[in-house]
Amino acid sequence: MTKRPDYLIAPSILSADFARLGEEVDAVVAAGADVVHFDVMDNHYVPNLTIGPVVCEALRKHGVTAPIDVHLMVRPVDQLVSSFAAAGATYISFHPEASDHVHRTISLIRESGCKPGLVFNPATPLDWLDHCLEYLDLVLIMSVNPGFGGQSFIPSSLAKLRAARARIDASGRAVRLEVDGGVKTSNIAEIAAAGADMLVAGSAIFGSKDYKATIGAMRKALSAV
């Protein structure tokens, strides 16, 4: 198996206190987070409405320098790709079902200066990777159905992570395997053992009283994998 890069912990700001968002992001980065995760929902592709590029731009102006990982749960995709890239995104991932031309959207993300990712819902097969993996920097496995924070991890996601990891390793490319949904201190090691190396956690971090202690506990669990 290809040597995996270091684990990245990516708190999802969906669970942050939006009245204090700049402070919240500063706090989790200071506590040891690697990446800031954006859950972008449009009340169309998914049944919720969250944030847009102006929030990404505001955090950059606030002084956030950590990578920003934008997960687009929107339809259509392409216009927001350009807007988030201009606002300071690092990664931009999208759902293949939400794009009319998946390869074109991937190319647009890269041409915009960002790292492209493809997202797989619990019931979405990995077959898209047969045609797209060579163009990606990120594969995101949803371990809950998208649209809401605070959901429980779907156990069958472990098998899907293992399958995605096998495809990535066979490609020989340095593609991140991200997981989003129900990740917490008690299951993060099992999830990482299945192949994930970029771990999104929302309520598990922002819902805790001590961000540094929670992220530290996650790091300790990951060190045993």
Protein backbone atom coordinates (compact mmCIF):
# COMPACT_ATOMS: atom_id res chain seq x y z
CA MET A 1 0.00 0.00 0.00
CA THR A 2 1.21 3.50 -0.86
CA LYS A 3 2.47 5.41 2.17
CA ARG A 4 -0.29 7.74 3.28
CA PRO A 5 0.39 11.40 4.06
CA ASP A 6 -0.15 12.75 7.55
CA TYR A 7 -3.68 12.91 8.85
CA LEU A 8 -5.45 16.23 8.51
CA ILE A 9 -8.21 17.28 10.91
CA ALA A 10 -10.77 19.61 9.34
CA PRO A 11 -13.36 21.17 11.67
CA SER A 12 -16.60 22.00 9.86
CA ILE A 13 -17.74 25.55 10.54
CA LEU A 14 -21.34 24.38 10.06
CA SER A 15 -21.22 23.63 13.80
CA ALA A 16 -19.47 26.85 14.82
CA ASP A 17 -21.03 29.89 16.49
CA PHE A 18 -21.71 32.08 13.44
CA ALA A 19 -22.03 35.19 15.58
CA ARG A 20 -18.33 34.75 16.43
CA LEU A 21 -17.12 32.95 13.30
CA GLY A 22 -13.74 34.62 12.93
CA GLU A 23 -12.90 33.93 16.59
CA GLU A 24 -14.18 30.37 16.29
CA VAL A 25 -11.97 29.61 13.30
CA ASP A 26 -8.97 31.24 14.97
CA ALA A 27 -9.63 29.09 18.05
CA VAL A 28 -9.76 25.74 16.26
CA VAL A 29 -6.67 26.53 14.19
CA ALA A 30 -4.82 27.53 17.36
CA ALA A 31 -6.05 24.29 18.93
CA GLY A 32 -4.34 22.24 16.22
CA ALA A 33 -6.78 21.99 13.30
CA ASP A 34 -5.16 21.67 9.86
CA VAL A 35 -7.96 22.67 7.51
CA VAL A 36 -11.16 24.75 7.74
CA HIS A 37 -14.11 22.89 6.22
CA PHE A 38 -17.03 24.70 4.55
CA ASP A 39 -20.37 22.94 4.05
CA VAL A 40 -22.07 24.90 1.29
CA MET A 41 -25.78 24.04 0.92
CA ASP A 42 -28.31 25.61 -1.45
CA ASN A 43 -31.74 24.38 -0.26
CA HIS A 44 -32.04 22.76 -3.68
CA TYR A 45 -29.54 19.93 -4.05
CA VAL A 46 -29.82 19.41 -0.28
CA PRO A 47 -32.59 20.53 2.13
CA ASN A 48 -30.70 23.28 3.91
CA LEU A 49 -29.23 26.72 3.22
CA THR A 50 -25.86 27.71 4.66
CA ILE A 51 -23.03 29.95 3.45
CA GLY A 52 -21.55 31.44 0.30
CA PRO A 53 -18.26 32.84 -1.01
CA VAL A 54 -18.61 36.07 0.98
CA VAL A 55 -17.98 34.10 4.19
CA CYS A 56 -14.83 32.55 2.74
CA GLU A 57 -13.61 35.97 1.65
CA ALA A 58 -14.41 37.45 5.05
CA LEU A 59 -12.38 34.80 6.86
CA ARG A 60 -9.41 35.41 4.57
CA LYS A 61 -9.67 39.16 5.26
CA HIS A 62 -9.95 38.35 8.96
CA GLY A 63 -6.52 36.75 8.70
CA VAL A 64 -7.23 33.03 8.36
CA THR A 65 -4.33 31.45 6.46
CA ALA A 66 -5.17 27.76 6.96
CA PRO A 67 -6.35 25.83 3.90
CA ILE A 68 -10.08 26.22 3.27
CA ASP A 69 -11.86 23.09 2.07
CA VAL A 70 -15.12 23.95 0.28
CA HIS A 71 -17.68 21.15 -0.09
CA LEU A 72 -20.31 22.27 -2.59
CA MET A 73 -23.71 20.67 -2.01
CA VAL A 74 -25.27 22.78 -4.74
CA ARG A 75 -26.76 22.54 -8.21
CA PRO A 76 -25.57 23.95 -10.60
CA VAL A 77 -21.92 23.95 -9.57
CA ASP A 78 -19.71 25.90 -11.95
CA GLN A 79 -20.57 29.50 -11.11
CA LEU A 80 -19.88 28.94 -7.41
CA VAL A 81 -16.55 27.26 -8.25
CA SER A 82 -15.28 30.50 -9.75
CA SER A 83 -16.70 32.58 -6.89
CA PHE A 84 -15.16 30.45 -4.14
CA ALA A 85 -11.83 30.29 -5.92
CA ALA A 86 -11.76 34.10 -6.07
CA ALA A 87 -12.74 34.21 -2.37
CA GLY A 88 -9.71 32.18 -1.27
CA ALA A 89 -10.69 28.49 -1.31
CA THR A 90 -7.94 25.86 -1.36
CA TYR A 91 -9.92 22.71 -2.11
CA ILE A 92 -13.28 22.67 -3.91
CA SER A 93 -15.25 19.43 -4.09
CA PHE A 94 -18.64 18.72 -5.64
CA HIS A 95 -21.13 15.91 -6.18
CA PRO A 96 -21.04 14.32 -9.66
CA GLU A 97 -24.85 14.18 -9.73
CA ALA A 98 -24.93 17.99 -9.47
CA SER A 99 -22.79 18.68 -12.56
CA ASP A 100 -23.85 18.24 -16.17
CA HIS A 101 -20.22 17.74 -17.22
CA VAL A 102 -18.11 16.30 -14.39
CA HIS A 103 -14.73 16.44 -16.16
CA ARG A 104 -15.38 20.03 -17.21
CA THR A 105 -16.16 21.05 -13.61
CA ILE A 106 -13.01 19.33 -12.34
CA SER A 107 -10.98 21.19 -14.96
CA LEU A 108 -12.61 24.48 -14.00
CA ILE A 109 -11.63 23.99 -10.34
CA ARG A 110 -8.00 23.35 -11.28
CA GLU A 111 -7.90 26.19 -13.79
CA SER A 112 -9.24 28.46 -11.03
CA GLY A 113 -6.17 27.64 -8.93
CA CYS A 114 -7.84 25.22 -6.50
CA LYS A 115 -7.51 21.51 -5.80
CA PRO A 116 -10.48 19.54 -7.18
CA GLY A 117 -12.41 16.89 -5.28
CA LEU A 118 -15.32 14.58 -6.01
CA VAL A 119 -17.90 13.73 -3.34
CA PHE A 120 -19.76 10.44 -2.94
CA ASN A 121 -23.04 10.22 -1.04
CA PRO A 122 -23.76 7.01 0.91
CA ALA A 123 -25.69 5.51 -2.02
CA THR A 124 -23.46 6.87 -4.83
CA PRO A 125 -21.20 4.21 -6.39
CA LEU A 126 -17.49 4.85 -6.81
CA ASP A 127 -17.69 4.14 -10.54
CA TRP A 128 -17.13 7.81 -11.36
CA LEU A 129 -13.52 7.29 -10.26
CA ASP A 130 -12.95 4.99 -13.23
CA HIS A 131 -13.05 8.11 -15.38
CA CYS A 132 -12.01 10.94 -13.04
CA LEU A 133 -9.49 9.80 -10.43
CA GLU A 134 -6.45 10.84 -12.45
CA TYR A 135 -7.69 14.44 -12.41
CA LEU A 136 -8.49 14.71 -8.70
CA ASP A 137 -6.61 15.83 -5.60
CA LEU A 138 -9.38 14.78 -3.21
CA VAL A 139 -12.04 12.09 -2.85
CA LEU A 140 -14.67 12.79 -0.21
CA ILE A 141 -16.80 9.97 1.18
CA MET A 142 -19.97 11.13 2.89
CA SER A 143 -20.61 8.97 5.95
CA VAL A 144 -24.00 10.62 6.48
CA ASN A 145 -26.60 11.85 4.01
CA PRO A 146 -25.73 15.46 3.17
CA GLY A 147 -27.80 18.38 4.33
CA PHE A 148 -27.51 18.56 8.12
CA GLY A 149 -24.83 18.49 10.80
CA GLY A 150 -24.83 16.31 13.89
CA GLN A 151 -25.81 13.03 12.21
CA SER A 152 -24.51 9.58 13.18
CA PHE A 153 -21.80 7.81 11.18
CA ILE A 154 -23.18 5.22 8.72
CA PRO A 155 -21.19 2.00 9.39
CA SER A 156 -21.21 0.83 5.75
CA SER A 157 -19.06 3.88 4.98
CA LEU A 158 -16.06 1.94 6.26
CA ALA A 159 -16.26 -0.54 3.39
CA LYS A 160 -16.63 2.34 0.94
CA LEU A 161 -13.55 4.04 2.39
CA ARG A 162 -11.56 0.83 2.00
CA ALA A 163 -12.68 0.53 -1.63
CA ALA A 164 -11.79 4.15 -2.36
CA ARG A 165 -8.42 3.75 -0.66
CA ALA A 166 -7.66 0.71 -2.83
CA ARG A 167 -8.42 2.70 -5.98
CA ILE A 168 -6.26 5.62 -4.85
CA ASP A 169 -3.34 3.37 -3.92
CA ALA A 170 -3.58 1.54 -7.25
CA SER A 171 -3.40 4.88 -9.06
CA GLY A 172 -0.09 5.75 -7.39
CA ARG A 173 -1.24 9.36 -7.05
CA ALA A 174 -1.19 11.52 -3.90
CA VAL A 175 -4.97 11.93 -3.62
CA ARG A 176 -6.47 12.79 -0.25
CA LEU A 177 -9.27 10.54 1.00
CA GLU A 178 -11.61 12.66 3.09
CA VAL A 179 -14.56 11.55 5.21
CA ASP A 180 -17.38 13.74 6.46
CA GLY A 181 -20.20 12.85 8.84
CA GLY A 182 -20.37 11.53 12.38
CA VAL A 183 -16.60 11.58 12.96
CA LYS A 184 -15.71 11.80 16.65
CA THR A 185 -12.96 10.83 19.06
CA SER A 186 -14.44 7.38 19.71
CA ASN A 187 -14.50 6.28 16.05
CA ILE A 188 -11.80 8.34 14.33
CA ALA A 189 -9.17 5.59 14.58
CA GLU A 190 -11.45 2.99 12.98
CA ILE A 191 -12.30 5.45 10.19
CA ALA A 192 -8.62 6.23 9.57
CA ALA A 193 -7.78 2.52 9.56
CA ALA A 194 -10.29 2.13 6.72
CA GLY A 195 -8.22 4.57 4.65
CA ALA A 196 -9.27 8.14 5.39
CA ASP A 197 -6.46 10.68 5.86
CA MET A 198 -8.50 13.91 5.96
CA LEU A 199 -11.17 13.88 8.65
CA VAL A 200 -14.00 16.37 8.92
CA ALA A 201 -15.52 16.84 12.37
CA GLY A 202 -18.14 19.45 13.13
CA SER A 203 -20.18 19.04 16.29
CA ALA A 204 -17.53 16.75 17.81
CA ILE A 205 -15.12 19.71 17.91
CA PHE A 206 -17.26 22.84 18.00
CA GLY A 207 -19.69 21.19 20.42
CA SER A 208 -16.91 20.44 22.90
CA LYS A 209 -15.86 22.72 25.74
CA ASP A 210 -12.14 22.49 24.98
CA TYR A 211 -11.19 22.47 21.28
CA LYS A 212 -7.52 21.78 21.99
CA ALA A 213 -8.30 18.82 24.24
CA THR A 214 -10.72 17.35 21.69
CA ILE A 215 -8.35 17.72 18.75
CA GLY A 216 -5.54 16.37 20.95
CA ALA A 217 -7.64 13.30 21.78
CA MET A 218 -8.30 12.78 18.09
CA ARG A 219 -4.57 13.03 17.33
CA LYS A 220 -3.82 10.52 20.06
CA ALA A 221 -6.36 8.07 18.61
CA LEU A 222 -4.91 8.55 15.12
CA SER A 223 -1.37 7.93 16.34
CA ALA A 224 -2.33 4.35 17.13
CA VAL A 225 -3.52 3.59 13.56
